[in-house]
PDB file of N, CA and C in Angstrom:
ATOM      1  N   MET A   1      88.936  78.774 110.070  1.00  0.00           N
ATOM      2  CA  MET A   1      89.817  79.615 109.275  1.00  0.00           C
ATOM      3  C   MET A   1      90.185  80.843 110.103  1.00  0.00           C
ATOM      4  N   PRO A   2      91.474  81.159 110.218  1.00  0.00           N
ATOM      5  CA  PRO A   2      91.873  82.319 111.022  1.00  0.00           C
ATOM      6  C   PRO A   2      91.421  83.642 110.406  1.00  0.00           C
ATOM      7  N   ARG A   3      91.171  84.602 111.276  1.00  0.00           N
ATOM      8  CA  ARG A   3      90.784  85.954 110.839  1.00  0.00           C
ATOM      9  C   ARG A   3      91.948  86.886 111.175  1.00  0.00           C
ATOM     10  N   HIS A   4      92.610  87.393 110.149  1.00  0.00           N
ATOM     11  CA  HIS A   4      93.788  88.238 110.301  1.00  0.00           C
ATOM     12  C   HIS A   4      93.399  89.704 110.236  1.00  0.00           C
ATOM     13  N   GLU A   5      94.023  90.517 111.100  1.00  0.00           N
ATOM     14  CA  GLU A   5      93.769  91.953 111.081  1.00  0.00           C
ATOM     15  C   GLU A   5      95.001  92.687 110.578  1.00  0.00           C
ATOM     16  N   PHE A   6      94.769  93.601 109.637  1.00  0.00           N
ATOM     17  CA  PHE A   6      95.829  94.426 109.075  1.00  0.00           C
ATOM     18  C   PHE A   6      95.440  95.887 109.192  1.00  0.00           C
ATOM     19  N   GLU A   7      96.449  96.742 109.390  1.00  0.00           N
ATOM     20  CA  GLU A   7      96.255  98.188 109.282  1.00  0.00           C
ATOM     21  C   GLU A   7      96.771  98.585 107.906  1.00  0.00           C
ATOM     22  N   VAL A   8      95.908  99.262 107.137  1.00  0.00           N
ATOM     23  CA  VAL A   8      96.276  99.719 105.800  1.00  0.00           C
ATOM     24  C   VAL A   8      95.830 101.165 105.670  1.00  0.00           C
ATOM     25  N   GLU A   9      96.750 102.028 105.300  1.00  0.00           N
ATOM     26  CA  GLU A   9      96.422 103.447 105.160  1.00  0.00           C
ATOM     27  C   GLU A   9      95.418 103.637 104.021  1.00  0.00           C
ATOM     28  N   MET A  10      94.238 104.161 104.371  1.00  0.00           N
ATOM     29  CA  MET A  10      93.187 104.415 103.375  1.00  0.00           C
ATOM     30  C   MET A  10      92.663 105.828 103.584  1.00  0.00           C
ATOM     31  N   LYS A  11      92.921 106.701 102.622  1.00  0.00           N
ATOM     32  CA  LYS A  11      92.493 108.094 102.746  1.00  0.00           C
ATOM     33  C   LYS A  11      91.202 108.384 101.995  1.00  0.00           C
ATOM     34  N   CYS A  12      90.784 107.445 101.116  1.00  0.00           N
ATOM     35  CA  CYS A  12      89.574 107.698 100.327  1.00  0.00           C
ATOM     36  C   CYS A  12      88.952 106.365  99.913  1.00  0.00           C
ATOM     37  N   THR A  13      87.790 106.458  99.292  1.00  0.00           N
ATOM     38  CA  THR A  13      87.139 105.227  98.839  1.00  0.00           C
ATOM     39  C   THR A  13      87.929 104.561  97.716  1.00  0.00           C
ATOM     40  N   GLY A  14      88.723 105.333  96.983  1.00  0.00           N
ATOM     41  CA  GLY A  14      89.579 104.741  95.956  1.00  0.00           C
ATOM     42  C   GLY A  14      90.569 103.759  96.563  1.00  0.00           C
ATOM     43  N   CYS A  15      91.051 104.088  97.753  1.00  0.00           N
ATOM     44  CA  CYS A  15      91.990 103.195  98.449  1.00  0.00           C
ATOM     45  C   CYS A  15      91.297 101.886  98.829  1.00  0.00           C
ATOM     46  N   SER A  16      90.108 101.987  99.398  1.00  0.00           N
ATOM     47  CA  SER A  16      89.392 100.771  99.790  1.00  0.00           C
ATOM     48  C   SER A  16      88.954  99.982  98.551  1.00  0.00           C
ATOM     49  N   ASP A  17      88.629 100.669  97.459  1.00  0.00           N
ATOM     50  CA  ASP A  17      88.285  99.979  96.215  1.00  0.00           C
ATOM     51  C   ASP A  17      89.483  99.200  95.678  1.00  0.00           C
ATOM     52  N   ALA A  18      90.675  99.776  95.784  1.00  0.00           N
ATOM     53  CA  ALA A  18      91.895  99.087  95.338  1.00  0.00           C
ATOM     54  C   ALA A  18      92.126  97.820  96.158  1.00  0.00           C
ATOM     55  N   LEU A  19      91.889  97.903  97.469  1.00  0.00           N
ATOM     56  CA  LEU A  19      92.025  96.723  98.325  1.00  0.00           C
ATOM     57  C   LEU A  19      91.017  95.653  97.929  1.00  0.00           C
ATOM     58  N   THR A  20      89.796  96.087  97.677  1.00  0.00           N
ATOM     59  CA  THR A  20      88.754  95.139  97.269  1.00  0.00           C
ATOM     60  C   THR A  20      89.160  94.413  95.989  1.00  0.00           C
ATOM     61  N   ARG A  21      89.709  95.142  95.030  1.00  0.00           N
ATOM     62  CA  ARG A  21      90.116  94.537  93.758  1.00  0.00           C
ATOM     63  C   ARG A  21      91.199  93.471  93.963  1.00  0.00           C
ATOM     64  N   VAL A  22      92.243  93.795  94.735  1.00  0.00           N
ATOM     65  CA  VAL A  22      93.333  92.811  94.901  1.00  0.00           C
ATOM     66  C   VAL A  22      92.874  91.605  95.718  1.00  0.00           C
ATOM     67  N   LEU A  23      91.999  91.832  96.690  1.00  0.00           N
ATOM     68  CA  LEU A  23      91.530  90.707  97.509  1.00  0.00           C
ATOM     69  C   LEU A  23      90.542  89.831  96.749  1.00  0.00           C
ATOM     70  N   ASN A  24      89.730  90.420  95.895  1.00  0.00           N
ATOM     71  CA  ASN A  24      88.805  89.619  95.084  1.00  0.00           C
ATOM     72  C   ASN A  24      89.542  88.703  94.132  1.00  0.00           C
ATOM     73  N   LYS A  25      90.741  89.081  93.718  1.00  0.00           N
ATOM     74  CA  LYS A  25      91.539  88.244  92.813  1.00  0.00           C
ATOM     75  C   LYS A  25      92.005  86.961  93.488  1.00  0.00           C
ATOM     76  N   LEU A  26      92.044  86.960  94.816  1.00  0.00           N
ATOM     77  CA  LEU A  26      92.472  85.755  95.545  1.00  0.00           C
ATOM     78  C   LEU A  26      91.398  84.678  95.509  1.00  0.00           C
ATOM     79  N   GLY A  27      90.150  85.080  95.359  1.00  0.00           N
ATOM     80  CA  GLY A  27      89.062  84.131  95.183  1.00  0.00           C
ATOM     81  C   GLY A  27      88.530  83.467  96.433  1.00  0.00           C
ATOM     82  N   ASP A  28      89.374  82.799  97.188  1.00  0.00           N
ATOM     83  CA  ASP A  28      88.882  81.981  98.304  1.00  0.00           C
ATOM     84  C   ASP A  28      89.085  82.637  99.672  1.00  0.00           C
ATOM     85  N   VAL A  29      88.975  83.949  99.744  1.00  0.00           N
ATOM     86  CA  VAL A  29      89.108  84.638 101.022  1.00  0.00           C
ATOM     87  C   VAL A  29      87.847  85.459 101.299  1.00  0.00           C
ATOM     88  N   LYS A  30      87.530  85.598 102.574  1.00  0.00           N
ATOM     89  CA  LYS A  30      86.472  86.512 103.005  1.00  0.00           C
ATOM     90  C   LYS A  30      87.178  87.696 103.646  1.00  0.00           C
ATOM     91  N   PHE A  31      86.671  88.897 103.396  1.00  0.00           N
ATOM     92  CA  PHE A  31      87.332  90.064 103.974  1.00  0.00           C
ATOM     93  C   PHE A  31      86.320  91.145 104.306  1.00  0.00           C
ATOM     94  N   GLU A  32      86.749  92.020 105.209  1.00  0.00           N
ATOM     95  CA  GLU A  32      85.950  93.167 105.625  1.00  0.00           C
ATOM     96  C   GLU A  32      86.893  94.358 105.685  1.00  0.00           C
ATOM     97  N   ILE A  33      86.442  95.496 105.170  1.00  0.00           N
ATOM     98  CA  ILE A  33      87.270  96.705 105.145  1.00  0.00           C
ATOM     99  C   ILE A  33      86.592  97.785 105.974  1.00  0.00           C
ATOM    100  N   ASP A  34      87.335  98.348 106.932  1.00  0.00           N
ATOM    101  CA  ASP A  34      86.857  99.455 107.766  1.00  0.00           C
ATOM    102  C   ASP A  34      87.710 100.672 107.417  1.00  0.00           C
ATOM    103  N   GLN A  35      87.272 101.405 106.387  1.00  0.00           N
ATOM    104  CA  GLN A  35      88.065 102.532 105.880  1.00  0.00           C
ATOM    105  C   GLN A  35      88.320 103.607 106.935  1.00  0.00           C
ATOM    106  N   PRO A  36      87.307 104.056 107.719  1.00  0.00           N
ATOM    107  CA  PRO A  36      87.570 105.133 108.691  1.00  0.00           C
ATOM    108  C   PRO A  36      88.651 104.785 109.716  1.00  0.00           C
ATOM    109  N   ASN A  37      88.761 103.490 110.050  1.00  0.00           N
ATOM    110  CA  ASN A  37      89.748 103.078 111.051  1.00  0.00           C
ATOM    111  C   ASN A  37      90.989 102.434 110.436  1.00  0.00           C
ATOM    112  N   ASN A  38      91.077 102.448 109.090  1.00  0.00           N
ATOM    113  CA  ASN A  38      92.232 101.880 108.380  1.00  0.00           C
ATOM    114  C   ASN A  38      92.488 100.418 108.719  1.00  0.00           C
ATOM    115  N   LEU A  39      91.408  99.631 108.850  1.00  0.00           N
ATOM    116  CA  LEU A  39      91.557  98.221 109.195  1.00  0.00           C
ATOM    117  C   LEU A  39      90.979  97.327 108.111  1.00  0.00           C
ATOM    118  N   VAL A  40      91.642  96.186 107.933  1.00  0.00           N
ATOM    119  CA  VAL A  40      91.166  95.153 107.013  1.00  0.00           C
ATOM    120  C   VAL A  40      91.255  93.823 107.747  1.00  0.00           C
ATOM    121  N   TRP A  41      90.153  93.065 107.721  1.00  0.00           N
ATOM    122  CA  TRP A  41      90.146  91.720 108.295  1.00  0.00           C
ATOM    123  C   TRP A  41      90.000  90.735 107.157  1.00  0.00           C
ATOM    124  N   ILE A  42      90.853  89.715 107.167  1.00  0.00           N
ATOM    125  CA  ILE A  42      90.831  88.703 106.116  1.00  0.00           C
ATOM    126  C   ILE A  42      90.729  87.327 106.760  1.00  0.00           C
ATOM    127  N   GLU A  43      89.719  86.567 106.334  1.00  0.00           N
ATOM    128  CA  GLU A  43      89.591  85.174 106.769  1.00  0.00           C
ATOM    129  C   GLU A  43      90.177  84.306 105.674  1.00  0.00           C
ATOM    130  N   SER A  44      91.275  83.632 105.996  1.00  0.00           N
ATOM    131  CA  SER A  44      91.960  82.839 104.990  1.00  0.00           C
ATOM    132  C   SER A  44      92.955  81.888 105.640  1.00  0.00           C
ATOM    133  N   ASP A  45      93.186  80.774 104.955  1.00  0.00           N
ATOM    134  CA  ASP A  45      94.233  79.838 105.376  1.00  0.00           C
ATOM    135  C   ASP A  45      95.561  80.164 104.699  1.00  0.00           C
ATOM    136  N   LYS A  46      95.567  81.199 103.864  1.00  0.00           N
ATOM    137  CA  LYS A  46      96.796  81.581 103.175  1.00  0.00           C
ATOM    138  C   LYS A  46      97.813  82.143 104.179  1.00  0.00           C
ATOM    139  N   ASP A  47      99.079  82.033 103.821  1.00  0.00           N
ATOM    140  CA  ASP A  47     100.182  82.510 104.635  1.00  0.00           C
ATOM    141  C   ASP A  47     100.067  84.025 104.861  1.00  0.00           C
ATOM    142  N   VAL A  48     100.369  84.479 106.080  1.00  0.00           N
ATOM    143  CA  VAL A  48     100.287  85.904 106.428  1.00  0.00           C
ATOM    144  C   VAL A  48     101.191  86.738 105.527  1.00  0.00           C
ATOM    145  N   GLU A  49     102.364  86.234 105.215  1.00  0.00           N
ATOM    146  CA  GLU A  49     103.281  86.976 104.345  1.00  0.00           C
ATOM    147  C   GLU A  49     102.683  87.168 102.953  1.00  0.00           C
ATOM    148  N   PHE A  50     102.019  86.132 102.457  1.00  0.00           N
ATOM    149  CA  PHE A  50     101.359  86.223 101.153  1.00  0.00           C
ATOM    150  C   PHE A  50     100.245  87.275 101.192  1.00  0.00           C
ATOM    151  N   LEU A  51      99.439  87.273 102.250  1.00  0.00           N
ATOM    152  CA  LEU A  51      98.360  88.252 102.390  1.00  0.00           C
ATOM    153  C   LEU A  51      98.919  89.673 102.491  1.00  0.00           C
ATOM    154  N   THR A  52     100.001  89.823 103.250  1.00  0.00           N
ATOM    155  CA  THR A  52     100.631  91.137 103.403  1.00  0.00           C
ATOM    156  C   THR A  52     101.125  91.650 102.058  1.00  0.00           C
ATOM    157  N   GLU A  53     101.797  90.794 101.300  1.00  0.00           N
ATOM    158  CA  GLU A  53     102.314  91.195  99.987  1.00  0.00           C
ATOM    159  C   GLU A  53     101.170  91.528  99.027  1.00  0.00           C
ATOM    160  N   THR A  54     100.072  90.806  99.133  1.00  0.00           N
ATOM    161  CA  THR A  54      98.904  91.090  98.297  1.00  0.00           C
ATOM    162  C   THR A  54      98.370  92.484  98.603  1.00  0.00           C
ATOM    163  N   LEU A  55      98.251  92.827  99.882  1.00  0.00           N
ATOM    164  CA  LEU A  55      97.762  94.151 100.267  1.00  0.00           C
ATOM    165  C   LEU A  55      98.722  95.251  99.833  1.00  0.00           C
ATOM    166  N   LYS A  56     100.020  94.973  99.881  1.00  0.00           N
ATOM    167  CA  LYS A  56     101.021  95.971  99.490  1.00  0.00           C
ATOM    168  C   LYS A  56     100.967  96.297  97.997  1.00  0.00           C
ATOM    169  N   LYS A  57     100.323  95.446  97.204  1.00  0.00           N
ATOM    170  CA  LYS A  57     100.193  95.711  95.770  1.00  0.00           C
ATOM    171  C   LYS A  57      99.391  96.982  95.509  1.00  0.00           C
ATOM    172  N   THR A  58      98.657  97.459  96.506  1.00  0.00           N
ATOM    173  CA  THR A  58      97.897  98.699  96.364  1.00  0.00           C
ATOM    174  C   THR A  58      98.803  99.914  96.503  1.00  0.00           C
ATOM    175  N   GLY A  59     100.043  99.716  96.952  1.00  0.00           N
ATOM    176  CA  GLY A  59     100.972 100.825  97.145  1.00  0.00           C
ATOM    177  C   GLY A  59     100.820 101.513  98.495  1.00  0.00           C
ATOM    178  N   LYS A  60     100.004 100.947  99.361  1.00  0.00           N
ATOM    179  CA  LYS A  60      99.753 101.532 100.684  1.00  0.00           C
ATOM    180  C   LYS A  60     100.594 100.824 101.752  1.00  0.00           C
ATOM    181  N   PRO A  61     100.975 101.567 102.814  1.00  0.00           N
ATOM    182  CA  PRO A  61     101.672 100.918 103.925  1.00  0.00           C
ATOM    183  C   PRO A  61     100.758  99.912 104.610  1.00  0.00           C
ATOM    184  N   VAL A  62     101.318  98.748 104.970  1.00  0.00           N
ATOM    185  CA  VAL A  62     100.546  97.663 105.579  1.00  0.00           C
ATOM    186  C   VAL A  62     101.230  97.203 106.855  1.00  0.00           C
ATOM    187  N   LYS A  63     100.441  97.012 107.916  1.00  0.00           N
ATOM    188  CA  LYS A  63     100.959  96.494 109.179  1.00  0.00           C
ATOM    189  C   LYS A  63     100.050  95.342 109.618  1.00  0.00           C
ATOM    190  N   TYR A  64     100.664  94.205 109.954  1.00  0.00           N
ATOM    191  CA  TYR A  64      99.903  93.050 110.431  1.00  0.00           C
ATOM    192  C   TYR A  64      99.703  93.162 111.934  1.00  0.00           C
ATOM    193  N   ASN A  65      98.452  93.064 112.399  1.00  0.00           N
ATOM    194  CA  ASN A  65      98.159  93.179 113.835  1.00  0.00           C
ATOM    195  C   ASN A  65      97.935  91.835 114.515  1.00  0.00           C
ATOM    196  N   GLY A  66      97.878  90.747 113.758  1.00  0.00           N
ATOM    197  CA  GLY A  66      97.664  89.435 114.346  1.00  0.00           C
ATOM    198  C   GLY A  66      96.278  88.903 114.050  1.00  0.00           C
ATOM    199  N   THR A  67      95.957  87.779 114.681  1.00  0.00           N
ATOM    200  CA  THR A  67      94.630  87.189 114.473  1.00  0.00           C
ATOM    201  C   THR A  67      93.666  87.764 115.490  1.00  0.00           C
ATOM    202  N   LYS A  68      92.424  87.922 115.069  1.00  0.00           N
ATOM    203  CA  LYS A  68      91.398  88.510 115.937  1.00  0.00           C
ATOM    204  C   LYS A  68      90.187  87.610 115.986  1.00  0.00           C
TER     205      LYS A  68
END
């Protein structure tokens, strides 16, 4: 399963909590959030565009960095 890296602006734990909530709704993904560095890694077979749109539901700017 590919591991995708995204940059997501997170200024507080509320931001990372919002990301956790939207990603938990997907059910079949593994993810890691690095709030100090504004990075999110998602292991999933889902389409990158779908993952990006899911992260954008938090209202934060999202940038896809590729697979890592």
